[in-house]
């Protein structure tokens, strides 16, 4: 989502500079577009993250086998396997079921 917002705002830079018709307008437009894009990206992230966190916690409760498999796939793709993979997945699932259900970064 963040990349979509930044890409969209970046695409607005050149038309703004052309419309402004000023020599330094491209730099100004770039700064405005990047600043606006960053702001919108962070705002979207702050709105979406708590909802996603709650959805993941709900899925751990409702479909634990599917969630365990999902976590396993993620860590296998990162190169973990065997006992080390099992320990990591066990720890993640245990933390998801026992930990607080709030977002500490919001």
N, C-alpha and C. Protein backbone atom coordinates (compact mmCIF):
# COMPACT_ATOMS: atom_id res chain seq x y z
N UNK A 1 0.83 -1.19 0.00
CA UNK A 1 0.00 0.00 0.00
C UNK A 1 0.88 1.25 0.00
N UNK A 2 1.91 1.22 0.80
CA UNK A 2 2.80 2.37 0.91
C UNK A 2 3.42 2.72 -0.44
N UNK A 3 3.85 1.69 -1.19
CA UNK A 3 4.47 1.92 -2.49
C UNK A 3 3.49 2.50 -3.49
N UNK A 4 2.25 2.08 -3.42
CA UNK A 4 1.22 2.61 -4.32
C UNK A 4 1.02 4.09 -4.07
N UNK A 5 0.94 4.47 -2.80
CA UNK A 5 0.73 5.88 -2.46
C UNK A 5 1.92 6.72 -2.87
N UNK A 6 3.14 6.23 -2.57
CA UNK A 6 4.33 7.00 -2.94
C UNK A 6 4.45 7.10 -4.46
N UNK A 7 4.16 6.02 -5.17
CA UNK A 7 4.23 6.05 -6.63
C UNK A 7 3.22 7.01 -7.23
N UNK A 8 2.03 7.01 -6.68
CA UNK A 8 0.99 7.91 -7.19
C UNK A 8 1.36 9.37 -6.97
N UNK A 9 1.84 9.67 -5.78
CA UNK A 9 2.19 11.06 -5.50
C UNK A 9 3.41 11.48 -6.30
N UNK A 10 4.32 10.56 -6.55
CA UNK A 10 5.50 10.86 -7.35
C UNK A 10 5.09 11.19 -8.79
N UNK A 11 4.07 10.50 -9.28
CA UNK A 11 3.60 10.74 -10.63
C UNK A 11 2.96 12.11 -10.81
N UNK A 12 2.61 12.75 -9.72
CA UNK A 12 2.01 14.09 -9.79
C UNK A 12 3.05 15.20 -9.91
N UNK A 13 4.30 14.87 -9.66
CA UNK A 13 5.36 15.88 -9.62
C UNK A 13 5.53 16.61 -10.95
N UNK A 14 5.71 15.87 -12.03
CA UNK A 14 5.99 16.49 -13.32
C UNK A 14 4.84 17.35 -13.84
N UNK A 15 3.59 16.89 -13.80
CA UNK A 15 2.50 17.76 -14.25
C UNK A 15 2.40 19.05 -13.44
N UNK A 16 2.66 18.96 -12.15
CA UNK A 16 2.62 20.16 -11.33
C UNK A 16 3.72 21.13 -11.75
N UNK A 17 4.91 20.60 -12.00
CA UNK A 17 6.03 21.44 -12.41
C UNK A 17 5.74 22.10 -13.76
N UNK A 18 5.18 21.34 -14.68
CA UNK A 18 4.86 21.91 -15.99
C UNK A 18 3.78 22.98 -15.87
N UNK A 19 2.78 22.72 -15.05
CA UNK A 19 1.71 23.69 -14.86
C UNK A 19 2.23 24.96 -14.21
N UNK A 20 3.14 24.81 -13.29
CA UNK A 20 3.68 25.97 -12.59
C UNK A 20 4.58 26.79 -13.50
N UNK A 21 5.28 26.11 -14.40
CA UNK A 21 6.11 26.81 -15.38
C UNK A 21 7.28 27.56 -14.76
N UNK A 22 7.69 27.20 -13.60
CA UNK A 22 8.81 27.87 -12.95
C UNK A 22 10.04 27.00 -13.00
N UNK A 23 11.20 27.63 -12.98
CA UNK A 23 12.46 26.91 -13.08
C UNK A 23 12.67 25.95 -11.92
N UNK A 24 12.44 26.38 -10.72
CA UNK A 24 12.66 25.54 -9.56
C UNK A 24 11.42 24.76 -9.14
N UNK A 25 10.39 24.83 -9.96
CA UNK A 25 9.13 24.21 -9.59
C UNK A 25 9.24 22.69 -9.49
N UNK A 26 10.10 22.08 -10.29
CA UNK A 26 10.23 20.63 -10.26
C UNK A 26 10.72 20.17 -8.89
N UNK A 27 11.68 20.89 -8.33
CA UNK A 27 12.18 20.53 -7.00
C UNK A 27 11.11 20.75 -5.94
N UNK A 28 10.44 21.86 -6.03
CA UNK A 28 9.37 22.16 -5.08
C UNK A 28 8.26 21.12 -5.20
N UNK A 29 7.87 20.82 -6.43
CA UNK A 29 6.82 19.83 -6.65
C UNK A 29 7.25 18.46 -6.13
N UNK A 30 8.49 18.10 -6.34
CA UNK A 30 9.00 16.83 -5.85
C UNK A 30 8.93 16.75 -4.34
N UNK A 31 9.33 17.83 -3.69
CA UNK A 31 9.28 17.87 -2.23
C UNK A 31 7.86 17.77 -1.70
N UNK A 32 6.96 18.50 -2.34
CA UNK A 32 5.56 18.46 -1.93
C UNK A 32 4.98 17.06 -2.14
N UNK A 33 5.24 16.49 -3.31
CA UNK A 33 4.69 15.17 -3.62
C UNK A 33 5.24 14.10 -2.68
N UNK A 34 6.53 14.14 -2.41
CA UNK A 34 7.11 13.14 -1.52
C UNK A 34 6.62 13.33 -0.08
N UNK A 35 6.51 14.56 0.35
CA UNK A 35 6.00 14.82 1.70
C UNK A 35 4.56 14.38 1.86
N UNK A 36 3.74 14.71 0.88
CA UNK A 36 2.34 14.30 0.91
C UNK A 36 2.22 12.79 0.83
N UNK A 37 3.01 12.18 -0.03
CA UNK A 37 2.99 10.73 -0.17
C UNK A 37 3.39 10.04 1.11
N UNK A 38 4.42 10.53 1.77
CA UNK A 38 4.85 9.95 3.04
C UNK A 38 3.79 10.09 4.12
N UNK A 39 3.18 11.25 4.18
CA UNK A 39 2.13 11.48 5.17
C UNK A 39 0.95 10.53 4.95
N UNK A 40 0.48 10.45 3.70
CA UNK A 40 -0.65 9.58 3.39
C UNK A 40 -0.32 8.11 3.63
N UNK A 41 0.90 7.73 3.32
CA UNK A 41 1.32 6.35 3.53
C UNK A 41 1.30 5.99 5.02
N UNK A 42 1.87 6.84 5.85
CA UNK A 42 1.89 6.57 7.29
C UNK A 42 0.49 6.61 7.88
N UNK A 43 -0.34 7.51 7.40
CA UNK A 43 -1.72 7.59 7.89
C UNK A 43 -2.47 6.30 7.54
N UNK A 44 -2.31 5.82 6.32
CA UNK A 44 -2.95 4.58 5.90
C UNK A 44 -2.45 3.41 6.73
N UNK A 45 -1.14 3.36 6.94
CA UNK A 45 -0.55 2.27 7.74
C UNK A 45 -1.11 2.28 9.16
N UNK A 46 -1.23 3.44 9.75
CA UNK A 46 -1.74 3.56 11.12
C UNK A 46 -3.20 3.11 11.21
N UNK A 47 -3.95 3.27 10.15
CA UNK A 47 -5.35 2.84 10.14
C UNK A 47 -5.49 1.35 9.86
N UNK A 48 -4.64 0.80 9.01
CA UNK A 48 -4.77 -0.59 8.58
C UNK A 48 -4.13 -1.57 9.57
N UNK A 49 -2.99 -1.22 10.16
CA UNK A 49 -2.24 -2.16 10.99
C UNK A 49 -3.05 -2.74 12.15
N UNK A 50 -3.73 -1.93 12.96
CA UNK A 50 -4.50 -2.52 14.07
C UNK A 50 -5.58 -3.50 13.59
N UNK A 51 -6.21 -3.21 12.46
CA UNK A 51 -7.22 -4.11 11.92
C UNK A 51 -6.60 -5.43 11.48
N UNK A 52 -5.44 -5.37 10.83
CA UNK A 52 -4.74 -6.58 10.40
C UNK A 52 -4.28 -7.40 11.60
N UNK A 53 -3.79 -6.74 12.62
CA UNK A 53 -3.34 -7.43 13.83
C UNK A 53 -4.49 -8.18 14.48
N UNK A 54 -5.63 -7.54 14.59
CA UNK A 54 -6.80 -8.19 15.18
C UNK A 54 -7.27 -9.35 14.32
N UNK A 55 -7.23 -9.21 13.00
CA UNK A 55 -7.62 -10.29 12.10
C UNK A 55 -6.71 -11.49 12.29
N UNK A 56 -5.41 -11.26 12.39
CA UNK A 56 -4.47 -12.36 12.59
C UNK A 56 -4.71 -13.06 13.92
N UNK A 57 -4.95 -12.31 14.98
CA UNK A 57 -5.25 -12.91 16.29
C UNK A 57 -6.53 -13.75 16.22
N UNK A 58 -7.54 -13.22 15.53
CA UNK A 58 -8.80 -13.95 15.39
C UNK A 58 -8.58 -15.26 14.62
N UNK A 59 -7.76 -15.20 13.58
CA UNK A 59 -7.48 -16.40 12.80
C UNK A 59 -6.70 -17.44 13.61
N UNK A 60 -5.81 -17.00 14.48
CA UNK A 60 -5.08 -17.93 15.34
C UNK A 60 -6.08 -18.66 16.25
N UNK A 61 -7.09 -17.95 16.71
CA UNK A 61 -8.12 -18.56 17.57
C UNK A 61 -9.05 -19.48 16.77
N UNK A 62 -9.48 -19.04 15.59
CA UNK A 62 -10.51 -19.74 14.84
C UNK A 62 -9.99 -20.86 13.95
N UNK A 63 -8.84 -20.67 13.34
CA UNK A 63 -8.27 -21.68 12.43
C UNK A 63 -6.77 -21.86 12.74
N UNK A 64 -6.47 -22.38 13.93
CA UNK A 64 -5.07 -22.46 14.36
C UNK A 64 -4.17 -23.29 13.45
N UNK A 65 -4.69 -24.36 12.87
CA UNK A 65 -3.86 -25.19 12.00
C UNK A 65 -3.44 -24.45 10.73
N UNK A 66 -4.37 -23.70 10.17
CA UNK A 66 -4.07 -22.92 8.97
C UNK A 66 -3.05 -21.83 9.29
N UNK A 67 -3.24 -21.15 10.40
CA UNK A 67 -2.31 -20.09 10.78
C UNK A 67 -0.91 -20.64 11.07
N UNK A 68 -0.86 -21.79 11.74
CA UNK A 68 0.43 -22.42 12.02
C UNK A 68 1.14 -22.75 10.71
N UNK A 69 0.40 -23.28 9.75
CA UNK A 69 0.98 -23.61 8.45
C UNK A 69 1.48 -22.34 7.74
N UNK A 70 0.71 -21.28 7.86
CA UNK A 70 1.09 -20.00 7.24
C UNK A 70 2.40 -19.47 7.84
N UNK A 71 2.51 -19.50 9.17
CA UNK A 71 3.73 -19.05 9.85
C UNK A 71 4.90 -19.94 9.45
N UNK A 72 4.64 -21.23 9.38
CA UNK A 72 5.68 -22.19 8.99
C UNK A 72 6.20 -21.87 7.58
N UNK A 73 5.28 -21.63 6.65
CA UNK A 73 5.68 -21.30 5.27
C UNK A 73 6.54 -20.05 5.20
N UNK A 74 6.17 -19.04 5.98
CA UNK A 74 6.93 -17.78 5.99
C UNK A 74 8.37 -18.02 6.44
N UNK A 75 8.53 -18.77 7.54
CA UNK A 75 9.87 -18.98 8.08
C UNK A 75 10.66 -20.00 7.27
N UNK A 76 10.00 -20.94 6.62
CA UNK A 76 10.71 -21.84 5.71
C UNK A 76 11.28 -21.06 4.54
N UNK A 77 10.51 -20.11 4.03
CA UNK A 77 10.98 -19.27 2.92
C UNK A 77 12.19 -18.44 3.33
N UNK A 78 12.35 -18.20 4.62
CA UNK A 78 13.50 -17.44 5.12
C UNK A 78 14.68 -18.35 5.45
N UNK A 79 14.52 -19.65 5.16
CA UNK A 79 15.65 -20.56 5.30
C UNK A 79 15.68 -21.42 6.56
N UNK A 80 14.64 -21.37 7.37
CA UNK A 80 14.60 -22.19 8.59
C UNK A 80 13.96 -23.53 8.28
N UNK A 81 14.42 -24.58 8.98
CA UNK A 81 13.81 -25.90 8.83
C UNK A 81 14.13 -26.75 10.06
N UNK A 82 13.49 -27.92 10.12
CA UNK A 82 13.74 -28.85 11.21
C UNK A 82 13.31 -28.32 12.57
N UNK A 83 14.10 -28.68 13.57
CA UNK A 83 13.79 -28.31 14.96
C UNK A 83 13.80 -26.80 15.17
N UNK A 84 14.71 -26.13 14.48
CA UNK A 84 14.79 -24.66 14.62
C UNK A 84 13.50 -24.01 14.11
N UNK A 85 12.98 -24.51 13.01
CA UNK A 85 11.71 -24.00 12.46
C UNK A 85 10.57 -24.27 13.44
N UNK A 86 10.49 -25.48 13.96
CA UNK A 86 9.44 -25.84 14.90
C UNK A 86 9.47 -24.96 16.14
N UNK A 87 10.66 -24.70 16.68
CA UNK A 87 10.79 -23.85 17.87
C UNK A 87 10.31 -22.43 17.57
N UNK A 88 10.70 -21.92 16.43
CA UNK A 88 10.32 -20.56 16.05
C UNK A 88 8.80 -20.45 15.87
N UNK A 89 8.21 -21.40 15.18
CA UNK A 89 6.77 -21.38 14.94
C UNK A 89 6.02 -21.54 16.26
N UNK A 90 6.48 -22.46 17.11
CA UNK A 90 5.85 -22.64 18.43
C UNK A 90 5.86 -21.34 19.23
N UNK A 91 6.99 -20.66 19.23
CA UNK A 91 7.12 -19.40 19.98
C UNK A 91 6.19 -18.32 19.44
N UNK A 92 6.09 -18.23 18.13
CA UNK A 92 5.24 -17.20 17.51
C UNK A 92 3.77 -17.47 17.80
N UNK A 93 3.35 -18.71 17.64
CA UNK A 93 1.95 -19.06 17.90
C UNK A 93 1.62 -18.88 19.38
N UNK A 94 2.55 -19.29 20.27
CA UNK A 94 2.32 -19.12 21.71
C UNK A 94 2.18 -17.64 22.07
N UNK A 95 3.02 -16.80 21.49
CA UNK A 95 2.96 -15.37 21.77
C UNK A 95 1.65 -14.77 21.25
N UNK A 96 1.19 -15.26 20.12
CA UNK A 96 -0.06 -14.74 19.54
C UNK A 96 -1.27 -15.12 20.38
N UNK A 97 -1.22 -16.29 21.02
CA UNK A 97 -2.37 -16.73 21.81
C UNK A 97 -2.32 -16.24 23.24
N UNK A 98 -1.12 -15.92 23.75
CA UNK A 98 -1.00 -15.54 25.17
C UNK A 98 -0.77 -14.04 25.37
N UNK A 99 -0.28 -13.36 24.35
CA UNK A 99 0.10 -11.96 24.51
C UNK A 99 -1.06 -11.01 24.47
N UNK A 100 -0.77 -9.75 24.72
CA UNK A 100 -1.81 -8.72 24.65
C UNK A 100 -2.33 -8.58 23.22
N UNK A 101 -3.60 -8.27 23.10
CA UNK A 101 -4.23 -8.16 21.78
C UNK A 101 -4.32 -6.71 21.32
N UNK A 102 -3.32 -5.94 21.64
CA UNK A 102 -3.31 -4.54 21.22
C UNK A 102 -2.06 -4.23 20.43
N UNK A 103 -2.12 -3.15 19.72
CA UNK A 103 -0.99 -2.70 18.91
C UNK A 103 -0.19 -1.68 19.72
N UNK A 104 1.05 -1.97 19.99
CA UNK A 104 1.85 -1.07 20.81
C UNK A 104 2.36 0.14 20.04
N UNK A 105 2.25 0.09 18.71
CA UNK A 105 2.80 1.20 17.92
C UNK A 105 1.75 2.21 17.50
N UNK A 106 0.51 1.96 17.77
CA UNK A 106 -0.55 2.87 17.30
C UNK A 106 -0.74 4.03 18.24
